[in-house]
Protein backbone atom coordinates (compact mmCIF):
# COMPACT_ATOMS: atom_id res chain seq x y z
CA UNK A 1 20.95 -2.83 7.39
CA UNK A 2 21.57 -5.81 5.11
CA UNK A 3 19.90 -9.08 6.44
CA UNK A 4 20.92 -12.78 5.50
CA UNK A 5 18.60 -14.49 3.06
CA UNK A 6 18.30 -18.39 4.11
CA UNK A 7 15.74 -21.12 2.90
CA UNK A 8 15.25 -23.06 6.26
CA UNK A 9 15.22 -26.93 5.28
CA UNK A 10 12.16 -27.48 7.41
CA UNK A 11 10.25 -24.40 6.17
CA UNK A 12 6.56 -25.11 6.00
CA UNK A 13 6.69 -28.45 7.89
CA UNK A 14 4.80 -28.76 11.47
CA UNK A 15 6.26 -27.10 14.43
CA UNK A 16 5.59 -30.36 16.41
CA UNK A 17 9.18 -32.41 16.44
CA UNK A 18 7.62 -35.89 16.05
CA UNK A 19 5.24 -34.73 13.09
CA UNK A 20 8.04 -32.58 11.54
CA UNK A 21 10.21 -35.76 11.43
CA UNK A 22 7.52 -37.64 9.69
CA UNK A 23 7.29 -34.88 7.16
CA UNK A 24 11.00 -34.89 6.42
CA UNK A 25 10.74 -38.54 5.66
CA UNK A 26 8.04 -38.13 3.24
CA UNK A 27 9.39 -35.07 1.57
CA UNK A 28 12.78 -36.71 1.08
CA UNK A 29 11.00 -39.43 -1.00
CA UNK A 30 9.30 -37.11 -3.37
CA UNK A 31 11.31 -33.88 -3.49
CA UNK A 32 13.10 -34.78 -6.52
CA UNK A 33 10.44 -36.22 -8.68
CA UNK A 34 9.60 -34.50 -12.03
CA UNK A 35 7.41 -31.53 -11.85
CA UNK A 36 4.23 -31.89 -13.94
CA UNK A 37 2.66 -28.67 -14.81
CA UNK A 38 -0.43 -29.18 -16.49
CA UNK A 39 -2.30 -25.76 -16.18
CA UNK A 40 -0.36 -22.70 -16.51
CA UNK A 41 0.00 -19.36 -18.66
CA UNK A 42 3.62 -19.04 -19.53
CA UNK A 43 4.60 -17.99 -22.98
CA UNK A 44 5.19 -20.74 -25.36
CA UNK A 45 7.43 -18.13 -27.60
CA UNK A 46 9.90 -18.63 -24.80
CA UNK A 47 10.56 -22.36 -25.52
CA UNK A 48 10.15 -21.83 -29.29
CA UNK A 49 12.84 -19.24 -29.40
CA UNK A 50 14.82 -19.95 -26.52
CA UNK A 51 16.06 -16.44 -26.17
CA UNK A 52 17.56 -15.09 -22.94
CA UNK A 53 15.18 -13.37 -20.74
CA UNK A 54 15.92 -9.57 -21.20
CA UNK A 55 16.31 -8.59 -17.75
CA UNK A 56 15.31 -9.14 -14.10
CA UNK A 57 12.16 -7.15 -14.50
CA UNK A 58 10.94 -8.83 -17.39
CA UNK A 59 11.42 -12.16 -15.68
CA UNK A 60 10.20 -11.70 -12.34
CA UNK A 61 7.78 -8.64 -12.18
CA UNK A 62 6.09 -7.54 -15.52
CA UNK A 63 4.60 -10.90 -16.18
CA UNK A 64 3.39 -11.58 -12.68
CA UNK A 65 -0.04 -10.05 -11.60
CA UNK A 66 0.57 -11.40 -8.03
CA UNK A 67 3.29 -8.76 -7.82
CA UNK A 68 1.71 -5.62 -9.30
CA UNK A 69 -1.44 -6.20 -7.62
CA UNK A 70 0.05 -5.78 -4.30
CA UNK A 71 2.11 -2.74 -5.41
CA UNK A 72 -0.97 -1.17 -7.08
CA UNK A 73 -3.03 -1.79 -4.01
CA UNK A 74 -0.40 0.46 -2.17
CA UNK A 75 -0.38 3.08 -4.59
CA UNK A 76 2.22 2.13 -6.95
CA UNK A 77 1.16 2.81 -10.54
CA UNK A 78 1.32 -0.15 -13.01
CA UNK A 79 3.07 2.36 -15.72
CA UNK A 80 5.70 2.64 -13.12
CA UNK A 81 6.37 -1.40 -13.15
CA UNK A 82 6.63 -1.36 -17.09
CA UNK A 83 3.11 -2.81 -17.60
CA UNK A 84 2.11 -1.82 -20.96
CA UNK A 85 -0.73 0.34 -21.71
CA UNK A 86 -3.40 -0.55 -24.24
CA UNK A 87 -3.38 3.11 -25.88
CA UNK A 88 0.77 2.83 -25.92
CA UNK A 89 0.98 5.55 -23.67
CA UNK A 90 4.04 6.21 -21.49
CA UNK A 91 5.38 3.72 -18.83
CA UNK A 92 8.76 2.94 -17.24
CA UNK A 93 11.08 1.28 -19.75
CA UNK A 94 14.21 1.11 -17.49
CA UNK A 95 14.39 -2.22 -15.88
CA UNK A 96 16.52 -1.22 -13.17
CA UNK A 97 14.31 1.48 -12.17
CA UNK A 98 11.52 -1.17 -12.05
CA UNK A 99 13.46 -3.38 -10.03
CA UNK A 100 14.56 -0.82 -7.59
CA UNK A 101 10.64 0.22 -7.13
CA UNK A 102 10.05 -3.28 -6.42
CA UNK A 103 12.72 -3.92 -3.89
CA UNK A 104 11.77 -0.68 -2.16
CA UNK A 105 8.13 -2.11 -1.56
CA UNK A 106 9.36 -5.98 -1.01
CA UNK A 107 8.18 -5.56 2.79
CA UNK A 108 4.64 -5.52 1.39
CA UNK A 109 4.76 -9.17 0.55
CA UNK A 110 5.55 -10.41 4.14
CA UNK A 111 3.52 -13.52 5.17
CA UNK A 112 2.40 -13.79 1.35
CA UNK A 113 2.89 -16.88 -0.91
CA UNK A 114 4.81 -14.51 -3.17
CA UNK A 115 7.48 -14.09 -0.43
CA UNK A 116 7.95 -17.71 -0.34
CA UNK A 117 8.26 -18.15 -4.25
CA UNK A 118 10.31 -15.07 -4.65
CA UNK A 119 12.87 -15.81 -1.86
CA UNK A 120 13.03 -19.42 -3.10
CA UNK A 121 13.71 -18.04 -6.73
CA UNK A 122 16.47 -15.58 -5.25
CA UNK A 123 18.38 -18.09 -3.07
CA UNK A 124 17.85 -21.46 -5.07
CA UNK A 125 18.14 -20.18 -8.83
CA UNK A 126 20.55 -17.31 -8.32
CA UNK A 127 22.23 -18.24 -5.06
CA UNK A 128 21.67 -14.84 -3.45
CA UNK A 129 22.31 -14.89 0.30
CA UNK A 130 21.28 -11.44 1.33
CA UNK A 131 17.73 -10.26 1.65
CA UNK A 132 16.09 -8.00 -1.03
CA UNK A 133 15.59 -4.47 0.16
CA UNK A 134 16.36 -1.13 -1.16
CA UNK A 135 19.78 -1.39 -0.05
CA UNK A 136 20.38 -4.91 -1.90
CA UNK A 137 18.40 -3.69 -4.86
CA UNK A 138 21.25 -3.18 -7.12
CA UNK A 139 23.19 -6.05 -6.10
CA UNK A 140 20.17 -8.39 -6.89
CA UNK A 141 19.67 -6.81 -10.24
CA UNK A 142 23.50 -7.24 -11.24
CA UNK A 143 23.58 -10.92 -10.05
CA UNK A 144 20.36 -11.95 -11.92
CA UNK A 145 21.01 -9.76 -15.01
CA UNK A 146 24.48 -11.57 -15.28
CA UNK A 147 22.94 -14.85 -14.82
CA UNK A 148 20.53 -14.25 -17.49
CA UNK A 149 23.09 -13.86 -19.91
CA UNK A 150 24.35 -17.12 -19.68
CA UNK A 151 23.15 -20.22 -21.52
CA UNK A 152 22.20 -21.90 -18.26
CA UNK A 153 19.32 -19.41 -17.90
CA UNK A 154 17.86 -19.69 -21.18
CA UNK A 155 14.34 -21.21 -21.00
CA UNK A 156 15.11 -24.66 -22.16
CA UNK A 157 18.06 -25.03 -19.96
CA UNK A 158 15.86 -23.94 -16.93
CA UNK A 159 12.98 -26.46 -18.11
CA UNK A 160 15.67 -29.26 -17.67
CA UNK A 161 17.27 -27.86 -14.77
CA UNK A 162 14.00 -27.82 -12.86
CA UNK A 163 13.29 -31.37 -13.95
CA UNK A 164 10.02 -30.27 -15.62
CA UNK A 165 8.39 -33.19 -17.46
CA UNK A 166 5.35 -31.52 -18.87
CA UNK A 167 4.55 -27.98 -18.97
CA UNK A 168 1.16 -26.92 -20.55
CA UNK A 169 0.36 -23.42 -21.78
CA UNK A 170 -3.28 -21.91 -22.43
CA UNK A 171 -4.03 -20.83 -25.88
CA UNK A 172 -7.41 -19.49 -27.47
CA UNK A 173 -8.88 -21.29 -30.47
CA UNK A 174 -8.00 -18.46 -32.56
CA UNK A 175 -4.28 -18.87 -31.79
CA UNK A 176 -2.39 -20.27 -34.75
CA UNK A 177 -0.27 -22.30 -32.28
CA UNK A 178 2.91 -21.26 -34.35
CA UNK A 179 5.12 -21.25 -31.29
CA UNK A 180 4.13 -25.01 -30.39
CA UNK A 181 4.64 -25.86 -34.11
CA UNK A 182 8.05 -24.41 -33.81
CA UNK A 183 9.01 -26.28 -30.63
CA UNK A 184 8.00 -29.65 -32.20
CA UNK A 185 9.85 -28.82 -35.46
CA UNK A 186 12.92 -27.77 -33.27
CA UNK A 187 13.75 -31.45 -32.22
CA UNK A 188 13.89 -30.22 -28.52
CA UNK A 189 12.66 -32.93 -26.42
CA UNK A 190 10.92 -30.95 -23.69
CA UNK A 191 7.28 -31.38 -23.60
CA UNK A 192 5.39 -28.07 -24.07
CA UNK A 193 1.86 -28.66 -24.56
CA UNK A 194 -1.12 -26.44 -25.29
CA UNK A 195 -4.64 -26.32 -23.65
CA UNK A 196 -7.60 -25.24 -25.45
CA UNK A 197 -9.37 -22.12 -23.64
CA UNK A 198 -12.48 -21.16 -25.85
CA UNK A 199 -13.62 -18.45 -23.60
CA UNK A 200 -13.18 -15.85 -26.56
CA UNK A 201 -15.78 -17.35 -28.77
CA UNK A 202 -17.86 -19.11 -25.80
CA UNK A 203 -18.65 -16.18 -23.86
CA UNK A 204 -20.88 -13.22 -25.45
CA UNK A 205 -19.67 -10.76 -22.90
CA UNK A 206 -15.92 -11.18 -24.08
CA UNK A 207 -14.64 -8.39 -25.66
CA UNK A 208 -14.93 -8.71 -29.70
CA UNK A 209 -17.04 -11.76 -29.20
CA UNK A 210 -18.65 -11.40 -32.44
CA UNK A 211 -15.52 -10.32 -34.37
CA UNK A 212 -13.79 -13.52 -32.85
CA UNK A 213 -16.66 -15.62 -34.21
CA UNK A 214 -15.68 -14.13 -37.56
CA UNK A 215 -12.06 -14.99 -37.39
CA UNK A 216 -12.82 -18.35 -36.09
CA UNK A 217 -15.08 -19.00 -39.54
CA UNK A 218 -11.70 -17.82 -41.35
CA UNK A 219 -9.75 -20.31 -39.71
CA UNK A 220 -12.14 -23.27 -40.16
CA UNK A 221 -14.36 -22.29 -43.23
CA UNK A 222 -17.25 -22.88 -41.14
CA UNK A 223 -20.35 -20.73 -40.96
CA UNK A 224 -19.93 -19.78 -37.38
CA UNK A 225 -23.05 -17.86 -37.49
CA UNK A 226 -25.19 -20.97 -37.70
CA UNK A 227 -25.43 -23.32 -34.79
CA UNK A 228 -24.32 -26.42 -36.46
CA UNK A 229 -21.27 -24.54 -38.09
CA UNK A 230 -20.46 -22.74 -35.07
CA UNK A 231 -20.17 -26.12 -33.28
CA UNK A 232 -18.18 -27.85 -36.09
CA UNK A 233 -15.91 -25.01 -36.07
CA UNK A 234 -15.23 -25.63 -32.29
CA UNK A 235 -14.95 -29.16 -33.11
CA UNK A 236 -12.17 -28.49 -35.87
CA UNK A 237 -10.21 -26.15 -33.56
CA UNK A 238 -10.10 -28.68 -30.79
CA UNK A 239 -8.77 -31.62 -33.22
CA UNK A 240 -6.13 -28.94 -34.17
CA UNK A 241 -5.13 -28.57 -30.65
CA UNK A 242 -5.31 -32.19 -29.75
CA UNK A 243 -2.84 -32.98 -32.73
CA UNK A 244 -0.54 -30.40 -31.47
CA UNK A 245 -0.50 -32.39 -27.96
CA UNK A 246 -3.38 -30.95 -26.10
CA UNK A 247 -4.74 -33.09 -23.61
CA UNK A 248 -7.22 -30.54 -21.93
CA UNK A 249 -9.61 -27.79 -22.17
CA UNK A 250 -9.85 -24.76 -19.78
CA UNK A 251 -12.87 -22.67 -19.11
CA UNK A 252 -12.84 -19.59 -17.01
CA UNK A 253 -16.63 -19.06 -16.65
CA UNK A 254 -18.14 -16.37 -14.23
CA UNK A 255 -20.23 -18.92 -12.73
CA UNK A 256 -20.55 -22.89 -12.66
CA UNK A 257 -23.94 -22.80 -14.39
CA UNK A 258 -24.91 -25.22 -16.96
CA UNK A 259 -27.94 -25.80 -18.99
CA UNK A 260 -29.30 -28.65 -21.59
CA UNK A 261 -31.51 -26.73 -23.99
CA UNK A 262 -33.60 -28.72 -26.83
CA UNK A 263 -31.80 -28.10 -30.29
CA UNK A 264 -34.33 -25.36 -31.15
CA UNK A 265 -33.91 -23.38 -27.94
CA UNK A 266 -30.13 -23.42 -28.39
CA UNK A 267 -30.39 -22.26 -31.96
CA UNK A 268 -32.58 -19.64 -31.21
CA UNK A 269 -30.36 -18.49 -28.35
CA UNK A 270 -27.15 -18.82 -30.56
CA UNK A 271 -28.99 -16.47 -33.31
CA UNK A 272 -29.78 -13.97 -30.34
CA UNK A 273 -26.01 -13.73 -29.06
CA UNK A 274 -24.50 -14.10 -32.09
CA UNK A 275 -25.83 -11.06 -34.19
CA UNK A 276 -26.52 -8.49 -31.48
CA UNK A 277 -25.53 -7.38 -28.01
CA UNK A 278 -26.52 -10.16 -25.55
CA UNK A 279 -28.75 -9.47 -22.36
CA UNK A 280 -27.21 -10.56 -19.14
CA UNK A 281 -29.67 -13.61 -19.09
CA UNK A 282 -28.95 -14.75 -22.37
CA UNK A 283 -25.31 -14.39 -21.87
CA UNK A 284 -25.41 -16.59 -18.85
CA UNK A 285 -27.68 -19.14 -20.56
CA UNK A 286 -25.42 -19.27 -23.42
CA UNK A 287 -22.33 -19.87 -21.46
CA UNK A 288 -24.01 -22.67 -19.37
CA UNK A 289 -25.25 -24.25 -22.72
CA UNK A 290 -21.55 -24.20 -23.94
CA UNK A 291 -20.47 -25.60 -21.02
CA UNK A 292 -22.60 -28.72 -21.57
CA UNK A 293 -21.92 -28.94 -25.23
CA UNK A 294 -17.87 -28.92 -24.38
CA UNK A 295 -18.56 -31.55 -22.04
CA UNK A 296 -20.45 -33.57 -25.10
CA UNK A 297 -17.49 -32.72 -27.28
CA UNK A 298 -14.85 -34.10 -24.38
CA UNK A 299 -17.08 -37.29 -24.31
CA UNK A 300 -16.19 -37.34 -28.25
CA UNK A 301 -12.70 -36.56 -28.18
CA UNK A 302 -11.28 -37.40 -24.85
CA UNK A 303 -10.01 -34.09 -23.99
CA UNK A 304 -9.95 -33.41 -19.91
CA UNK A 305 -12.40 -30.42 -19.29
CA UNK A 306 -11.31 -27.90 -16.74
CA UNK A 307 -13.65 -25.30 -15.19
CA UNK A 308 -12.49 -22.77 -12.88
CA UNK A 309 -15.56 -20.37 -12.11
CA UNK A 310 -16.36 -17.90 -9.55
CA UNK A 311 -13.98 -15.06 -10.66
CA UNK A 312 -15.43 -11.58 -11.38
CA UNK A 313 -12.81 -10.81 -14.20
CA UNK A 314 -11.34 -7.45 -14.40
CA UNK A 315 -13.33 -5.77 -11.31
CA UNK A 316 -11.31 -2.75 -11.71
CA UNK A 317 -12.90 -1.01 -14.87
CA UNK A 318 -9.94 1.68 -14.78
CA UNK A 319 -7.26 -0.67 -14.90
CA UNK A 320 -8.99 -2.69 -17.52
CA UNK A 321 -9.63 0.07 -20.06
CA UNK A 322 -6.06 1.18 -19.52
CA UNK A 323 -4.09 -2.14 -19.34
CA UNK A 324 -6.51 -4.99 -20.44
CA UNK A 325 -7.19 -8.17 -18.95
CA UNK A 326 -5.49 -10.22 -16.11
CA UNK A 327 -4.08 -7.30 -14.25
CA UNK A 328 -4.67 -8.36 -11.00
CA UNK A 329 -8.34 -7.32 -10.56
CA UNK A 330 -9.97 -10.67 -10.51
CA UNK A 331 -12.02 -10.99 -7.38
CA UNK A 332 -13.54 -14.28 -5.82
CA UNK A 333 -17.40 -14.58 -5.73
CA UNK A 334 -19.67 -16.88 -4.13
CA UNK A 335 -20.28 -19.97 -6.54
CA UNK A 336 -22.87 -22.67 -6.60
CA UNK A 337 -22.03 -25.83 -7.83
CA UNK A 338 -24.76 -28.36 -6.54
CA UNK A 339 -27.57 -26.78 -8.65
CA UNK A 340 -25.51 -25.15 -11.34
CA UNK A 341 -23.73 -28.28 -12.48
CA UNK A 342 -26.91 -30.63 -12.36
CA UNK A 343 -27.90 -30.10 -16.01
CA UNK A 344 -24.35 -31.06 -17.17
CA UNK A 345 -24.29 -34.06 -14.68
CA UNK A 346 -27.59 -35.33 -15.34
CA UNK A 347 -25.99 -36.05 -18.93
CA UNK A 348 -22.63 -36.75 -18.35
CA UNK A 349 -21.75 -37.15 -14.57
CA UNK A 350 -21.74 -40.93 -14.77
CA UNK A 351 -20.25 -41.17 -18.22
CA UNK A 352 -16.75 -42.88 -17.77
CA UNK A 353 -15.48 -40.84 -20.91
CA UNK A 354 -15.80 -37.56 -19.33
CA UNK A 355 -13.33 -36.25 -16.86
CA UNK A 356 -14.23 -32.77 -15.49
CA UNK A 357 -11.61 -31.12 -13.03
CA UNK A 358 -13.30 -28.51 -10.95
CA UNK A 359 -11.41 -25.42 -9.30
CA UNK A 360 -13.03 -22.86 -7.09
CA UNK A 361 -12.28 -19.40 -5.44
CA UNK A 362 -15.06 -20.03 -3.13
CA UNK A 363 -13.77 -21.99 -0.15
CA UNK A 364 -17.05 -22.27 1.63
CA UNK A 365 -18.05 -24.91 -0.78
CA UNK A 366 -15.11 -27.36 -0.32
CA UNK A 367 -16.76 -29.51 2.22
CA UNK A 368 -20.49 -28.53 1.38
CA UNK A 369 -20.51 -29.12 -2.30
CA UNK A 370 -17.40 -29.90 -4.12
CA UNK A 371 -16.09 -32.68 -1.80
CA UNK A 372 -19.42 -34.65 -1.89
CA UNK A 373 -19.81 -33.96 -5.60
CA UNK A 374 -16.61 -35.36 -6.39
CA UNK A 375 -16.96 -38.05 -3.83
CA UNK A 376 -19.88 -39.44 -5.77
CA UNK A 377 -19.60 -38.48 -9.50
CA UNK A 378 -17.26 -40.70 -11.68
CA UNK A 379 -16.69 -37.71 -13.92
CA UNK A 380 -15.65 -35.34 -11.52
CA UNK A 381 -12.25 -34.45 -9.92
CA UNK A 382 -11.17 -31.90 -7.72
CA UNK A 383 -8.35 -29.37 -8.86
CA UNK A 384 -6.01 -27.96 -6.19
CA UNK A 385 -6.55 -24.90 -4.03
CA UNK A 386 -6.08 -21.91 -6.93
CA UNK A 387 -5.45 -18.25 -7.45
CA UNK A 388 -6.08 -16.67 -3.99
CA UNK A 389 -5.80 -19.92 -2.07
CA UNK A 390 -2.48 -21.47 -3.33
CA UNK A 391 -0.95 -20.67 -0.43
CA UNK A 392 0.25 -22.56 2.68
CA UNK A 393 -3.06 -21.64 4.63
CA UNK A 394 -5.07 -22.24 1.48
CA UNK A 395 -3.45 -25.63 0.52
CA UNK A 396 -3.93 -26.84 4.41
CA UNK A 397 -7.70 -25.69 4.26
CA UNK A 398 -8.20 -27.54 1.07
CA UNK A 399 -6.86 -30.96 2.35
CA UNK A 400 -8.79 -30.38 5.71
CA UNK A 401 -12.11 -29.73 4.25
CA UNK A 402 -12.14 -32.30 1.13
CA UNK A 403 -10.42 -35.20 2.19
CA UNK A 404 -12.79 -36.57 4.96
CA UNK A 405 -15.59 -36.91 2.10
CA UNK A 406 -13.55 -37.07 -1.43
CA UNK A 407 -10.43 -38.77 -0.16
CA UNK A 408 -7.20 -38.12 -1.85
CA UNK A 409 -7.79 -40.14 -5.22
CA UNK A 410 -10.62 -37.73 -6.37
CA UNK A 411 -8.10 -34.83 -6.49
CA UNK A 412 -5.44 -34.16 -8.97
CA UNK A 413 -2.42 -33.32 -7.49
CA UNK A 414 -0.97 -29.63 -7.72
CA UNK A 415 -1.03 -27.25 -10.74
CA UNK A 416 0.95 -23.76 -10.68
CA UNK A 417 -1.51 -21.48 -12.76
CA UNK A 418 1.45 -19.40 -13.25
CA UNK A 419 2.65 -16.88 -15.82
CA UNK A 420 6.18 -16.43 -14.20
CA UNK A 421 8.24 -19.06 -15.09
CA UNK A 422 10.70 -19.43 -12.31
CA UNK A 423 7.74 -19.50 -9.87
CA UNK A 424 6.99 -23.13 -11.15
CA UNK A 425 9.50 -24.98 -9.17
CA UNK A 426 9.13 -22.41 -6.29
CA UNK A 427 5.04 -23.08 -6.06
CA UNK A 428 5.67 -26.96 -6.45
CA UNK A 429 8.26 -26.90 -3.74
CA UNK A 430 5.55 -25.12 -1.40
CA UNK A 431 2.76 -27.59 -2.45
CA UNK A 432 4.95 -30.57 -1.68
CA UNK A 433 6.01 -29.58 1.69
CA UNK A 434 2.48 -28.53 2.72
CA UNK A 435 1.13 -32.09 1.38
CA UNK A 436 4.10 -33.65 3.27
CA UNK A 437 3.16 -31.84 6.61
CA UNK A 438 -0.66 -32.73 6.44
CA UNK A 439 0.13 -36.41 5.75
CA UNK A 440 2.73 -36.57 8.65
CA UNK A 441 -0.17 -35.17 10.97
CA UNK A 442 -2.25 -38.20 9.92
CA UNK A 443 0.40 -40.56 10.63
CA UNK A 444 1.40 -39.32 14.20
CA UNK A 445 -2.49 -39.07 15.06
CA UNK A 446 -2.37 -42.98 13.89
CA UNK A 447 -4.94 -42.13 11.31
CA UNK A 448 -2.79 -43.77 8.52
CA UNK A 449 0.33 -45.71 8.46
CA UNK A 450 3.71 -44.26 7.45
CA UNK A 451 4.08 -46.73 4.39
CA UNK A 452 0.50 -45.65 3.21
CA UNK A 453 1.59 -41.86 3.60
CA UNK A 454 4.66 -42.40 1.42
CA UNK A 455 2.44 -43.73 -1.32
CA UNK A 456 -0.18 -40.90 -1.00
CA UNK A 457 2.52 -38.39 -1.19
CA UNK A 458 3.94 -39.52 -4.31
CA UNK A 459 0.50 -39.78 -5.93
CA UNK A 460 -0.22 -36.23 -4.77
CA UNK A 461 2.99 -35.19 -6.16
CA UNK A 462 3.28 -37.14 -9.27
CA UNK A 463 0.78 -40.10 -10.14
CA UNK A 464 -2.39 -38.29 -9.93
CA UNK A 465 -1.80 -35.58 -12.09
CA UNK A 466 -0.18 -37.44 -14.76
CA UNK A 467 -3.26 -39.77 -14.74
CA UNK A 468 -6.04 -36.96 -14.50
CA UNK A 469 -4.39 -34.91 -17.46
CA UNK A 470 -3.82 -38.33 -19.35
CA UNK A 471 -0.05 -37.25 -19.55
């Protein structure tokens, strides 16, 4: 039986009537503010070429690991969702068949943030008023496919429609940034910036690490097998990224471990990891040393530094070998920040030239470690709830655990960290509503005046992220 799809105007607001009324008033003031998306993984080619999205599956399923990790967990093969295989092996190529398979399993997303985001996209972006199911799959496909053939659904038009002020993608130092250059050369006024993600040339465990050093040498003309040449190559690429508009770096290390070795120790360590297979101990020590080196470079060039550790990347060896990185098998691990960050903070924690934004997948450290650290060190700010916790409950837990110690102004607003373009406005809608609900509770409990709550709501929505990322 076909069911209606409706977005309730009070969705995610508190159930208590008085609190809900305050949340409504707060939300009315900020719901139309521009979106700043300073950390994400959308494809800059979308905006450089401004070509139509090919079909509903390419837009909403194939790039979104939130979608196919859930389906995979229930026995749906990634090949059947059109996810490309590394070996070029056969996968489903009929987008309508992919869409039907997704629709048949849409019930799996009940209660998840993905369901919130997708329903928002269907109702708000495409005007669909019936719920997605096997019965309505073809109707959905036809409506979305027809819309994607219009000028209004090209990437740049959607960028303008959803009032994106800034969108940041993420690229490796080895990336030539040709799409960002094309955007700049096109004369289009949309601000699509890059962020410097040096993991492929900082992590000895990254596949092809030593080959990547050779590519870095070719790009920069530096001897990347010498310690000084290697560091200079990294500086040179940072300068290229900054010239292309980058304001931040991004570091996805397994842990938050940092080190501060002497020059001779660092040189010897680099010689070991750059010329042969690294031991687990050397790999971790090198990553830790390079986080401190990256902080030193941020002090020099002003790029904001982001660190999001605590993910066991590509945990599913079979999926990694068949499909490669970022296929929904990143699993949270316990993370220590207090001891791990101390070498870096001993050097730069009180330096006003460093801005280090911390993320975590380990919620147990919010109140115990992250909030006290950010509530003390001038260099530290807290990024929002991330990956598995960018949900209504995750956002609520984040605010409840960190606010009493770090306050609001040691946080940096919200970022969506998405690969799926239309989930950007959908995710920001959720974050804005959850923050309004949290602040409304403080108002009705007489812990904050409503005029203050209006100021904080704007800060969490717009001001803090713009300031933190130097945008």
